[in-house]
Amino acid sequence: MSGQLSTGALARTGDNLFLRGVAALSTLAGWCSAGMIVAAVAITCQMIFVRFVLNGSTVWQTEAVIYLVIAATLIGLPYVQRLRGHVNVDLIPLALGAKARFYMFLLTSALSIGIIALMLWYGYEYWHFAWDRGWRSDTIWGVRLWIPYLSLPVGFALLLLQLIADLVAVLLGYDNPFGLED
């Protein structure tokens, strides 16, 4: 199965430097996301050990796990988009002819790019506000909130790049709309 994924990924980028660069960034984001999940699981195990074996209290673990899982979700978005691993219903694209499917892809891509660009804008604004004001969490750990909030603009920026790359790949003929054969 992994051979199918890598072959499909190469076919989607061809020799286009932009498409290959975005694919590499999305893959790196996927690895970072996986690392965050592994770290969250390890911290959870450590927290369980401290609480139930050592009968101690935990200070930072719960908050760290929450921030790691949220960041992993946001940073992992472009990788999932690259592999088309998201849940989709392709009943309408399958029912359409090639030309109508192409125009539907253009419309949905433009809408997706617009929505994610808006989310990037507000995510950056929120992150910058937390950084500018020096916000800290209301816990004993007192995390500077700009650190976990950074996953908002980074995740949405990488997803926006991947969506643009998907659109470019179809426009240049490296990929088919919705990944469907005619």
N, C-alpha and C. Protein backbone atom coordinates (compact mmCIF):
# COMPACT_ATOMS: atom_id res chain seq x y z
N MET A 1 0.81 -1.19 0.00
CA MET A 1 0.00 0.00 0.00
C MET A 1 0.86 1.25 0.00
N SER A 2 1.98 1.25 0.71
CA SER A 2 2.80 2.44 0.75
C SER A 2 3.38 2.75 -0.63
N GLY A 3 3.62 1.74 -1.44
CA GLY A 3 4.08 1.99 -2.80
C GLY A 3 3.05 2.72 -3.63
N GLN A 4 1.78 2.41 -3.39
CA GLN A 4 0.71 3.10 -4.11
C GLN A 4 0.65 4.56 -3.72
N LEU A 5 0.83 4.84 -2.42
CA LEU A 5 0.77 6.23 -1.98
C LEU A 5 1.92 7.03 -2.55
N SER A 6 3.13 6.49 -2.51
CA SER A 6 4.27 7.25 -3.01
C SER A 6 4.20 7.43 -4.52
N THR A 7 3.73 6.43 -5.24
CA THR A 7 3.57 6.56 -6.69
C THR A 7 2.54 7.62 -7.02
N GLY A 8 1.42 7.62 -6.31
CA GLY A 8 0.38 8.61 -6.53
C GLY A 8 0.88 10.00 -6.20
N ALA A 9 1.68 10.13 -5.13
CA ALA A 9 2.19 11.43 -4.74
C ALA A 9 3.15 11.96 -5.80
N LEU A 10 3.98 11.09 -6.37
CA LEU A 10 4.90 11.54 -7.42
C LEU A 10 4.15 11.95 -8.67
N ALA A 11 3.11 11.24 -9.00
CA ALA A 11 2.33 11.58 -10.18
C ALA A 11 1.65 12.93 -10.01
N ARG A 12 1.32 13.30 -8.78
CA ARG A 12 0.63 14.56 -8.53
C ARG A 12 1.57 15.76 -8.59
N THR A 13 2.86 15.56 -8.44
CA THR A 13 3.79 16.69 -8.45
C THR A 13 4.61 16.78 -9.73
N GLY A 14 4.84 15.64 -10.36
CA GLY A 14 5.67 15.64 -11.57
C GLY A 14 7.04 16.23 -11.27
N ASP A 15 7.56 17.01 -12.21
CA ASP A 15 8.86 17.64 -12.02
C ASP A 15 8.74 19.11 -11.63
N ASN A 16 7.54 19.52 -11.23
CA ASN A 16 7.29 20.91 -10.86
C ASN A 16 7.91 21.20 -9.50
N LEU A 17 8.79 22.18 -9.45
CA LEU A 17 9.52 22.50 -8.22
C LEU A 17 8.58 22.99 -7.11
N PHE A 18 7.62 23.83 -7.45
CA PHE A 18 6.66 24.32 -6.46
C PHE A 18 5.86 23.16 -5.86
N LEU A 19 5.33 22.29 -6.71
CA LEU A 19 4.53 21.17 -6.22
C LEU A 19 5.35 20.22 -5.37
N ARG A 20 6.58 19.98 -5.78
CA ARG A 20 7.45 19.08 -4.99
C ARG A 20 7.84 19.71 -3.66
N GLY A 21 8.07 21.03 -3.66
CA GLY A 21 8.40 21.73 -2.43
C GLY A 21 7.26 21.71 -1.42
N VAL A 22 6.05 21.97 -1.92
CA VAL A 22 4.88 21.94 -1.04
C VAL A 22 4.63 20.51 -0.53
N ALA A 23 4.82 19.53 -1.40
CA ALA A 23 4.66 18.13 -0.97
C ALA A 23 5.67 17.79 0.13
N ALA A 24 6.89 18.28 -0.01
CA ALA A 24 7.91 18.02 1.01
C ALA A 24 7.54 18.71 2.33
N LEU A 25 7.05 19.95 2.26
CA LEU A 25 6.63 20.65 3.47
C LEU A 25 5.45 19.93 4.14
N SER A 26 4.51 19.47 3.34
CA SER A 26 3.35 18.75 3.89
C SER A 26 3.79 17.44 4.55
N THR A 27 4.74 16.75 3.93
CA THR A 27 5.25 15.51 4.52
C THR A 27 5.99 15.80 5.83
N LEU A 28 6.79 16.84 5.84
CA LEU A 28 7.48 17.24 7.07
C LEU A 28 6.47 17.58 8.16
N ALA A 29 5.42 18.29 7.80
CA ALA A 29 4.37 18.62 8.76
C ALA A 29 3.71 17.35 9.30
N GLY A 30 3.52 16.36 8.43
CA GLY A 30 2.95 15.09 8.88
C GLY A 30 3.84 14.39 9.88
N TRP A 31 5.13 14.40 9.64
CA TRP A 31 6.07 13.79 10.58
C TRP A 31 6.09 14.54 11.91
N CYS A 32 6.05 15.87 11.84
CA CYS A 32 6.01 16.66 13.08
C CYS A 32 4.73 16.37 13.85
N SER A 33 3.63 16.27 13.15
CA SER A 33 2.35 15.95 13.78
C SER A 33 2.41 14.58 14.45
N ALA A 34 2.96 13.61 13.77
CA ALA A 34 3.10 12.27 14.36
C ALA A 34 3.98 12.31 15.60
N GLY A 35 5.05 13.09 15.54
CA GLY A 35 5.93 13.24 16.70
C GLY A 35 5.21 13.85 17.89
N MET A 36 4.34 14.82 17.61
CA MET A 36 3.57 15.44 18.69
C MET A 36 2.61 14.44 19.33
N ILE A 37 2.01 13.59 18.51
CA ILE A 37 1.11 12.56 19.05
C ILE A 37 1.90 11.58 19.93
N VAL A 38 3.07 11.16 19.47
CA VAL A 38 3.90 10.25 20.25
C VAL A 38 4.31 10.91 21.57
N ALA A 39 4.69 12.19 21.50
CA ALA A 39 5.06 12.91 22.72
C ALA A 39 3.88 13.01 23.68
N ALA A 40 2.68 13.27 23.15
CA ALA A 40 1.49 13.36 23.99
C ALA A 40 1.20 12.03 24.68
N VAL A 41 1.37 10.94 23.96
CA VAL A 41 1.14 9.61 24.55
C VAL A 41 2.19 9.33 25.63
N ALA A 42 3.44 9.67 25.35
CA ALA A 42 4.50 9.45 26.35
C ALA A 42 4.26 10.28 27.61
N ILE A 43 3.85 11.52 27.44
CA ILE A 43 3.57 12.38 28.59
C ILE A 43 2.38 11.85 29.38
N THR A 44 1.37 11.35 28.66
CA THR A 44 0.22 10.76 29.34
C THR A 44 0.64 9.55 30.17
N CYS A 45 1.49 8.71 29.62
CA CYS A 45 1.98 7.54 30.37
C CYS A 45 2.77 7.98 31.60
N GLN A 46 3.61 9.00 31.44
CA GLN A 46 4.38 9.52 32.56
C GLN A 46 3.45 10.09 33.63
N MET A 47 2.40 10.78 33.19
CA MET A 47 1.43 11.36 34.12
C MET A 47 0.71 10.27 34.91
N ILE A 48 0.32 9.22 34.24
CA ILE A 48 -0.34 8.10 34.91
C ILE A 48 0.59 7.47 35.94
N PHE A 49 1.86 7.29 35.56
CA PHE A 49 2.84 6.72 36.48
C PHE A 49 3.01 7.60 37.72
N VAL A 50 3.16 8.90 37.51
CA VAL A 50 3.35 9.82 38.64
C VAL A 50 2.13 9.83 39.56
N ARG A 51 0.95 9.87 38.97
CA ARG A 51 -0.27 9.96 39.78
C ARG A 51 -0.60 8.67 40.52
N PHE A 52 -0.56 7.55 39.83
CA PHE A 52 -1.08 6.32 40.42
C PHE A 52 -0.02 5.39 41.00
N VAL A 53 1.21 5.51 40.56
CA VAL A 53 2.27 4.66 41.13
C VAL A 53 3.02 5.42 42.22
N LEU A 54 3.42 6.65 41.90
CA LEU A 54 4.16 7.45 42.88
C LEU A 54 3.25 8.25 43.81
N ASN A 55 1.95 8.26 43.50
CA ASN A 55 0.95 9.01 44.28
C ASN A 55 1.32 10.48 44.39
N GLY A 56 1.85 11.03 43.30
CA GLY A 56 2.23 12.44 43.27
C GLY A 56 1.26 13.26 42.46
N SER A 57 1.48 14.55 42.46
CA SER A 57 0.62 15.43 41.67
C SER A 57 1.35 15.83 40.38
N THR A 58 0.56 16.17 39.41
CA THR A 58 1.14 16.59 38.13
C THR A 58 0.85 18.08 37.95
N VAL A 59 1.78 18.76 37.32
CA VAL A 59 1.65 20.20 37.16
C VAL A 59 1.41 20.59 35.71
N TRP A 60 2.22 20.08 34.83
CA TRP A 60 2.25 20.55 33.45
C TRP A 60 1.70 19.55 32.45
N GLN A 61 1.56 18.29 32.82
CA GLN A 61 1.31 17.22 31.88
C GLN A 61 -0.03 17.35 31.14
N THR A 62 -1.11 17.60 31.87
CA THR A 62 -2.42 17.67 31.22
C THR A 62 -2.46 18.79 30.19
N GLU A 63 -1.96 19.95 30.57
CA GLU A 63 -1.94 21.10 29.66
C GLU A 63 -1.06 20.82 28.45
N ALA A 64 0.09 20.22 28.68
CA ALA A 64 0.99 19.91 27.56
C ALA A 64 0.35 18.95 26.58
N VAL A 65 -0.33 17.92 27.09
CA VAL A 65 -0.99 16.95 26.21
C VAL A 65 -2.09 17.62 25.39
N ILE A 66 -2.86 18.48 26.00
CA ILE A 66 -3.92 19.19 25.27
C ILE A 66 -3.33 20.03 24.14
N TYR A 67 -2.30 20.80 24.47
CA TYR A 67 -1.68 21.65 23.45
C TYR A 67 -1.03 20.82 22.34
N LEU A 68 -0.40 19.71 22.70
CA LEU A 68 0.24 18.86 21.69
C LEU A 68 -0.78 18.24 20.74
N VAL A 69 -1.89 17.77 21.27
CA VAL A 69 -2.90 17.13 20.41
C VAL A 69 -3.55 18.16 19.48
N ILE A 70 -3.83 19.35 20.01
CA ILE A 70 -4.39 20.40 19.15
C ILE A 70 -3.39 20.80 18.07
N ALA A 71 -2.14 20.99 18.45
CA ALA A 71 -1.11 21.36 17.47
C ALA A 71 -0.90 20.25 16.45
N ALA A 72 -0.92 19.00 16.89
CA ALA A 72 -0.76 17.88 15.96
C ALA A 72 -1.90 17.87 14.94
N THR A 73 -3.09 18.18 15.38
CA THR A 73 -4.24 18.23 14.47
C THR A 73 -4.04 19.33 13.43
N LEU A 74 -3.68 20.51 13.87
CA LEU A 74 -3.53 21.64 12.95
C LEU A 74 -2.32 21.49 12.02
N ILE A 75 -1.20 21.06 12.58
CA ILE A 75 0.02 20.90 11.77
C ILE A 75 -0.12 19.72 10.81
N GLY A 76 -0.93 18.73 11.16
CA GLY A 76 -1.13 17.56 10.31
C GLY A 76 -2.10 17.78 9.16
N LEU A 77 -2.82 18.89 9.15
CA LEU A 77 -3.81 19.15 8.09
C LEU A 77 -3.24 19.07 6.67
N PRO A 78 -2.10 19.69 6.37
CA PRO A 78 -1.62 19.63 4.98
C PRO A 78 -1.23 18.23 4.54
N TYR A 79 -0.71 17.43 5.45
CA TYR A 79 -0.33 16.05 5.09
C TYR A 79 -1.57 15.23 4.74
N VAL A 80 -2.61 15.38 5.55
CA VAL A 80 -3.85 14.66 5.27
C VAL A 80 -4.44 15.11 3.94
N GLN A 81 -4.39 16.42 3.67
CA GLN A 81 -4.89 16.93 2.40
C GLN A 81 -4.05 16.39 1.23
N ARG A 82 -2.76 16.33 1.41
CA ARG A 82 -1.87 15.83 0.35
C ARG A 82 -2.20 14.38 -0.01
N LEU A 83 -2.48 13.57 1.00
CA LEU A 83 -2.78 12.16 0.76
C LEU A 83 -4.25 11.90 0.48
N ARG A 84 -5.03 12.96 0.49
CA ARG A 84 -6.49 12.84 0.36
C ARG A 84 -7.03 11.86 1.40
N GLY A 85 -6.53 12.01 2.61
CA GLY A 85 -6.93 11.12 3.69
C GLY A 85 -8.15 11.60 4.43
N HIS A 86 -8.66 12.75 4.07
CA HIS A 86 -9.85 13.27 4.73
C HIS A 86 -11.10 12.54 4.25
N VAL A 87 -12.14 12.65 5.01
CA VAL A 87 -13.40 12.03 4.63
C VAL A 87 -14.02 12.86 3.52
N ASN A 88 -14.39 12.20 2.44
CA ASN A 88 -15.05 12.93 1.36
C ASN A 88 -16.15 12.06 0.77
N VAL A 89 -17.09 12.73 0.20
CA VAL A 89 -18.18 12.05 -0.50
C VAL A 89 -18.06 12.47 -1.96
N ASP A 90 -17.74 11.52 -2.81
CA ASP A 90 -17.50 11.86 -4.21
C ASP A 90 -18.65 11.43 -5.12
N LEU A 91 -19.83 11.31 -4.56
CA LEU A 91 -20.99 10.91 -5.35
C LEU A 91 -21.27 11.90 -6.48
N ILE A 92 -21.27 13.18 -6.16
CA ILE A 92 -21.55 14.19 -7.19
C ILE A 92 -20.43 14.25 -8.23
N PRO A 93 -19.15 14.35 -7.82
CA PRO A 93 -18.09 14.35 -8.85
C PRO A 93 -18.10 13.11 -9.74
N LEU A 94 -18.43 11.95 -9.17
CA LEU A 94 -18.49 10.73 -9.98
C LEU A 94 -19.64 10.78 -10.99
N ALA A 95 -20.73 11.44 -10.62
CA ALA A 95 -21.89 11.52 -11.51
C ALA A 95 -21.71 12.54 -12.62
N LEU A 96 -20.77 13.46 -12.43
CA LEU A 96 -20.57 14.51 -13.42
C LEU A 96 -19.63 14.06 -14.54
N GLY A 97 -19.75 14.71 -15.65
CA GLY A 97 -18.81 14.49 -16.75
C GLY A 97 -17.49 15.17 -16.44
N ALA A 98 -16.50 14.95 -17.27
CA ALA A 98 -15.15 15.46 -17.02
C ALA A 98 -15.12 16.99 -16.95
N LYS A 99 -15.81 17.65 -17.84
CA LYS A 99 -15.78 19.12 -17.87
C LYS A 99 -16.49 19.70 -16.64
N ALA A 100 -17.68 19.18 -16.32
CA ALA A 100 -18.41 19.66 -15.14
C ALA A 100 -17.63 19.36 -13.87
N ARG A 101 -16.97 18.20 -13.81
CA ARG A 101 -16.15 17.85 -12.65
C ARG A 101 -15.00 18.83 -12.49
N PHE A 102 -14.39 19.23 -13.62
CA PHE A 102 -13.29 20.20 -13.58
C PHE A 102 -13.78 21.53 -13.00
N TYR A 103 -14.92 22.02 -13.47
CA TYR A 103 -15.44 23.30 -12.98
C TYR A 103 -15.89 23.21 -11.53
N MET A 104 -16.42 22.07 -11.14
CA MET A 104 -16.79 21.89 -9.74
C MET A 104 -15.54 21.89 -8.86
N PHE A 105 -14.47 21.28 -9.36
CA PHE A 105 -13.20 21.28 -8.62
C PHE A 105 -12.69 22.71 -8.47
N LEU A 106 -12.75 23.50 -9.54
CA LEU A 106 -12.30 24.88 -9.46
C LEU A 106 -13.10 25.66 -8.41
N LEU A 107 -14.42 25.47 -8.41
CA LEU A 107 -15.27 26.16 -7.45
C LEU A 107 -14.96 25.74 -6.02
N THR A 108 -14.90 24.45 -5.77
CA THR A 108 -14.65 23.98 -4.40
C THR A 108 -13.24 24.33 -3.94
N SER A 109 -12.29 24.32 -4.87
CA SER A 109 -10.92 24.71 -4.51
C SER A 109 -10.86 26.19 -4.15
N ALA A 110 -11.51 27.03 -4.96
CA ALA A 110 -11.51 28.46 -4.69
C ALA A 110 -12.18 28.76 -3.34
N LEU A 111 -13.30 28.09 -3.07
CA LEU A 111 -13.98 28.29 -1.79
C LEU A 111 -13.11 27.81 -0.62
N SER A 112 -12.49 26.65 -0.78
CA SER A 112 -11.63 26.12 0.28
C SER A 112 -10.45 27.04 0.54
N ILE A 113 -9.82 27.51 -0.53
CA ILE A 113 -8.68 28.43 -0.39
C ILE A 113 -9.13 29.71 0.31
N GLY A 114 -10.28 30.23 -0.07
CA GLY A 114 -10.79 31.45 0.56
C GLY A 114 -11.08 31.27 2.05
N ILE A 115 -11.71 30.17 2.40
CA ILE A 115 -12.05 29.91 3.81
C ILE A 115 -10.79 29.71 4.64
N ILE A 116 -9.84 28.93 4.12
CA ILE A 116 -8.60 28.69 4.88
C ILE A 116 -7.77 29.96 4.97
N ALA A 117 -7.78 30.79 3.93
CA ALA A 117 -7.07 32.08 4.00
C ALA A 117 -7.67 32.96 5.09
N LEU A 118 -8.98 32.95 5.20
CA LEU A 118 -9.65 33.71 6.26
C LEU A 118 -9.28 33.16 7.64
N MET A 119 -9.27 31.85 7.76
CA MET A 119 -8.89 31.23 9.04
C MET A 119 -7.42 31.52 9.37
N LEU A 120 -6.57 31.54 8.36
CA LEU A 120 -5.16 31.90 8.56
C LEU A 120 -5.05 33.33 9.07
N TRP A 121 -5.79 34.23 8.46
CA TRP A 121 -5.77 35.64 8.86
C TRP A 121 -6.14 35.78 10.33
N TYR A 122 -7.27 35.21 10.73
CA TYR A 122 -7.72 35.33 12.11
C TYR A 122 -6.86 34.51 13.07
N GLY A 123 -6.34 33.39 12.62
CA GLY A 123 -5.43 32.61 13.45
C GLY A 123 -4.14 33.37 13.73
N TYR A 124 -3.62 34.03 12.70
CA TYR A 124 -2.42 34.86 12.89
C TYR A 124 -2.72 36.02 13.82
N GLU A 125 -3.86 36.66 13.63
CA GLU A 125 -4.25 37.80 14.47
C GLU A 125 -4.36 37.37 15.94
N TYR A 126 -4.96 36.22 16.18
CA TYR A 126 -5.12 35.71 17.54
C TYR A 126 -3.76 35.38 18.16
N TRP A 127 -2.91 34.71 17.37
CA TRP A 127 -1.57 34.38 17.85
C TRP A 127 -0.80 35.65 18.17
N HIS A 128 -0.84 36.63 17.28
CA HIS A 128 -0.09 37.87 17.47
C HIS A 128 -0.60 38.64 18.69
N PHE A 129 -1.90 38.63 18.89
CA PHE A 129 -2.49 39.30 20.05
C PHE A 129 -1.98 38.66 21.34
N ALA A 130 -1.93 37.33 21.38
CA ALA A 130 -1.42 36.63 22.57
C ALA A 130 0.05 36.94 22.79
N TRP A 131 0.81 37.04 21.71
CA TRP A 131 2.24 37.33 21.81
C TRP A 131 2.46 38.78 22.26
N ASP A 132 1.73 39.69 21.63
CA ASP A 132 1.88 41.11 21.92
C ASP A 132 1.48 41.44 23.36
N ARG A 133 0.44 40.80 23.85
CA ARG A 133 -0.06 41.07 25.20
C ARG A 133 0.63 40.22 26.27
N GLY A 134 1.46 39.26 25.86
CA GLY A 134 2.16 38.43 26.83
C GLY A 134 1.23 37.50 27.61
N TRP A 135 0.20 37.00 26.94
CA TRP A 135 -0.76 36.13 27.61
C TRP A 135 -0.08 34.87 28.13
N ARG A 136 -0.50 34.45 29.30
CA ARG A 136 -0.06 33.18 29.91
C ARG A 136 -1.29 32.41 30.33
N SER A 137 -1.16 31.08 30.38
CA SER A 137 -2.29 30.27 30.83
C SER A 137 -2.51 30.50 32.32
N ASP A 138 -3.73 30.26 32.76
CA ASP A 138 -4.09 30.49 34.16
C ASP A 138 -3.80 29.28 35.03
N THR A 139 -2.79 28.53 34.70
CA THR A 139 -2.44 27.34 35.48
C THR A 139 -1.14 27.58 36.22
N ILE A 140 -0.75 26.62 37.03
CA ILE A 140 0.51 26.72 37.77
C ILE A 140 1.69 26.79 36.81
N TRP A 141 1.59 26.06 35.71
CA TRP A 141 2.67 26.03 34.72
C TRP A 141 2.84 27.39 34.06
N GLY A 142 1.75 28.08 33.78
CA GLY A 142 1.79 29.43 33.22
C GLY A 142 2.43 29.53 31.86
N VAL A 143 2.03 28.69 30.95
CA VAL A 143 2.61 28.67 29.60
C VAL A 143 2.36 30.00 28.91
N ARG A 144 3.38 30.51 28.23
CA ARG A 144 3.18 31.67 27.35
C ARG A 144 2.33 31.18 26.19
N LEU A 145 1.14 31.70 26.06
CA LEU A 145 0.15 31.14 25.13
C LEU A 145 0.49 31.34 23.66
N TRP A 146 1.41 32.24 23.35
CA TRP A 146 1.76 32.39 21.94
C TRP A 146 2.42 31.12 21.41
N ILE A 147 3.01 30.33 22.28
CA ILE A 147 3.69 29.11 21.83
C ILE A 147 2.68 28.08 21.30
N PRO A 148 1.67 27.68 22.09
CA PRO A 148 0.71 26.73 21.51
C PRO A 148 -0.18 27.37 20.44
N TYR A 149 -0.45 28.68 20.56
CA TYR A 149 -1.29 29.34 19.56
C TYR A 149 -0.59 29.47 18.21
N LEU A 150 0.73 29.31 18.19
CA LEU A 150 1.47 29.39 16.93
C LEU A 150 1.04 28.30 15.95
N SER A 151 0.49 27.21 16.47
CA SER A 151 0.03 26.15 15.58
C SER A 151 -1.14 26.59 14.70
N LEU A 152 -1.86 27.61 15.09
CA LEU A 152 -2.96 28.12 14.26
C LEU A 152 -2.45 28.70 12.94
N PRO A 153 -1.62 29.75 12.96
CA PRO A 153 -1.18 30.27 11.66
C PRO A 153 -0.28 29.32 10.89
N VAL A 154 0.54 28.55 11.58
CA VAL A 154 1.43 27.62 10.87
C VAL A 154 0.62 26.52 10.19
N GLY A 155 -0.31 25.92 10.91
CA GLY A 155 -1.12 24.85 10.35
C GLY A 155 -1.97 25.33 9.18
N PHE A 156 -2.62 26.48 9.34
CA PHE A 156 -3.47 26.99 8.27
C PHE A 156 -2.65 27.49 7.08
N ALA A 157 -1.47 28.03 7.33
CA ALA A 157 -0.60 28.47 6.21
C ALA A 157 -0.15 27.26 5.39
N LEU A 158 0.24 26.19 6.07
CA LEU A 158 0.66 24.98 5.35
C LEU A 158 -0.50 24.33 4.60
N LEU A 159 -1.69 24.33 5.22
CA LEU A 159 -2.86 23.79 4.53
C LEU A 159 -3.21 24.64 3.32
N LEU A 160 -3.12 25.96 3.46
CA LEU A 160 -3.38 26.85 2.33
C LEU A 160 -2.41 26.57 1.18
N LEU A 161 -1.14 26.41 1.50
CA LEU A 161 -0.15 26.07 0.47
C LEU A 161 -0.50 24.76 -0.22
N GLN A 162 -0.91 23.75 0.55
CA GLN A 162 -1.25 22.46 -0.03
C GLN A 162 -2.49 22.57 -0.92
N LEU A 163 -3.49 23.34 -0.50
CA LEU A 163 -4.68 23.53 -1.33
C LEU A 163 -4.33 24.24 -2.64
N ILE A 164 -3.46 25.24 -2.56
CA ILE A 164 -3.02 25.93 -3.78
C ILE A 164 -2.25 24.98 -4.67
N ALA A 165 -1.40 24.15 -4.08
CA ALA A 165 -0.64 23.17 -4.85
C ALA A 165 -1.57 22.17 -5.53
N ASP A 166 -2.62 21.74 -4.83
CA ASP A 166 -3.59 20.82 -5.44
C ASP A 166 -4.26 21.47 -6.64
N LEU A 167 -4.61 22.73 -6.52
CA LEU A 167 -5.22 23.46 -7.63
C LEU A 167 -4.25 23.60 -8.80
N VAL A 168 -3.02 23.96 -8.50
CA VAL A 168 -2.00 24.10 -9.54
C VAL A 168 -1.75 22.77 -10.24
N ALA A 169 -1.72 21.68 -9.47
CA ALA A 169 -1.49 20.35 -10.06
C ALA A 169 -2.58 19.99 -11.06
N VAL A 170 -3.81 20.35 -10.77
CA VAL A 170 -4.91 20.06 -11.70
C VAL A 170 -4.82 20.99 -12.90
N LEU A 171 -4.56 22.27 -12.66
CA LEU A 171 -4.48 23.23 -13.77
C LEU A 171 -3.34 22.91 -14.74
N LEU A 172 -2.23 22.38 -14.21
CA LEU A 172 -1.09 22.03 -15.06
C LEU A 172 -1.17 20.61 -15.63
N GLY A 173 -2.20 19.88 -15.22
CA GLY A 173 -2.40 18.53 -15.75
C GLY A 173 -1.63 17.43 -15.04
N TYR A 174 -1.05 17.71 -13.89
CA TYR A 174 -0.35 16.69 -13.12
C TYR A 174 -1.32 15.79 -12.36
N ASP A 175 -2.53 16.27 -12.15
CA ASP A 175 -3.51 15.53 -11.37
C ASP A 175 -4.88 15.73 -11.98
N ASN A 176 -5.81 14.87 -11.63
CA ASN A 176 -7.19 14.98 -12.08
C ASN A 176 -8.03 15.62 -10.99
N PRO A 177 -9.11 16.32 -11.36
CA PRO A 177 -9.99 16.89 -10.34
C PRO A 177 -10.50 15.82 -9.38
N PHE A 178 -10.38 16.09 -8.10
CA PHE A 178 -10.81 15.18 -7.04
C PHE A 178 -10.04 13.86 -7.07
N GLY A 179 -8.97 13.78 -7.85
CA GLY A 179 -8.19 12.55 -7.95
C GLY A 179 -8.90 11.43 -8.68
N LEU A 180 -9.96 11.76 -9.40
CA LEU A 180 -10.76 10.74 -10.10
C LEU A 180 -10.34 10.65 -11.56
N GLU A 181 -10.27 9.43 -12.04
CA GLU A 181 -9.98 9.23 -13.44
C GLU A 181 -11.23 9.54 -14.28
N ASP A 182 -11.03 9.95 -15.51
CA ASP A 182 -12.17 10.26 -16.38
C ASP A 182 -12.94 9.04 -16.78
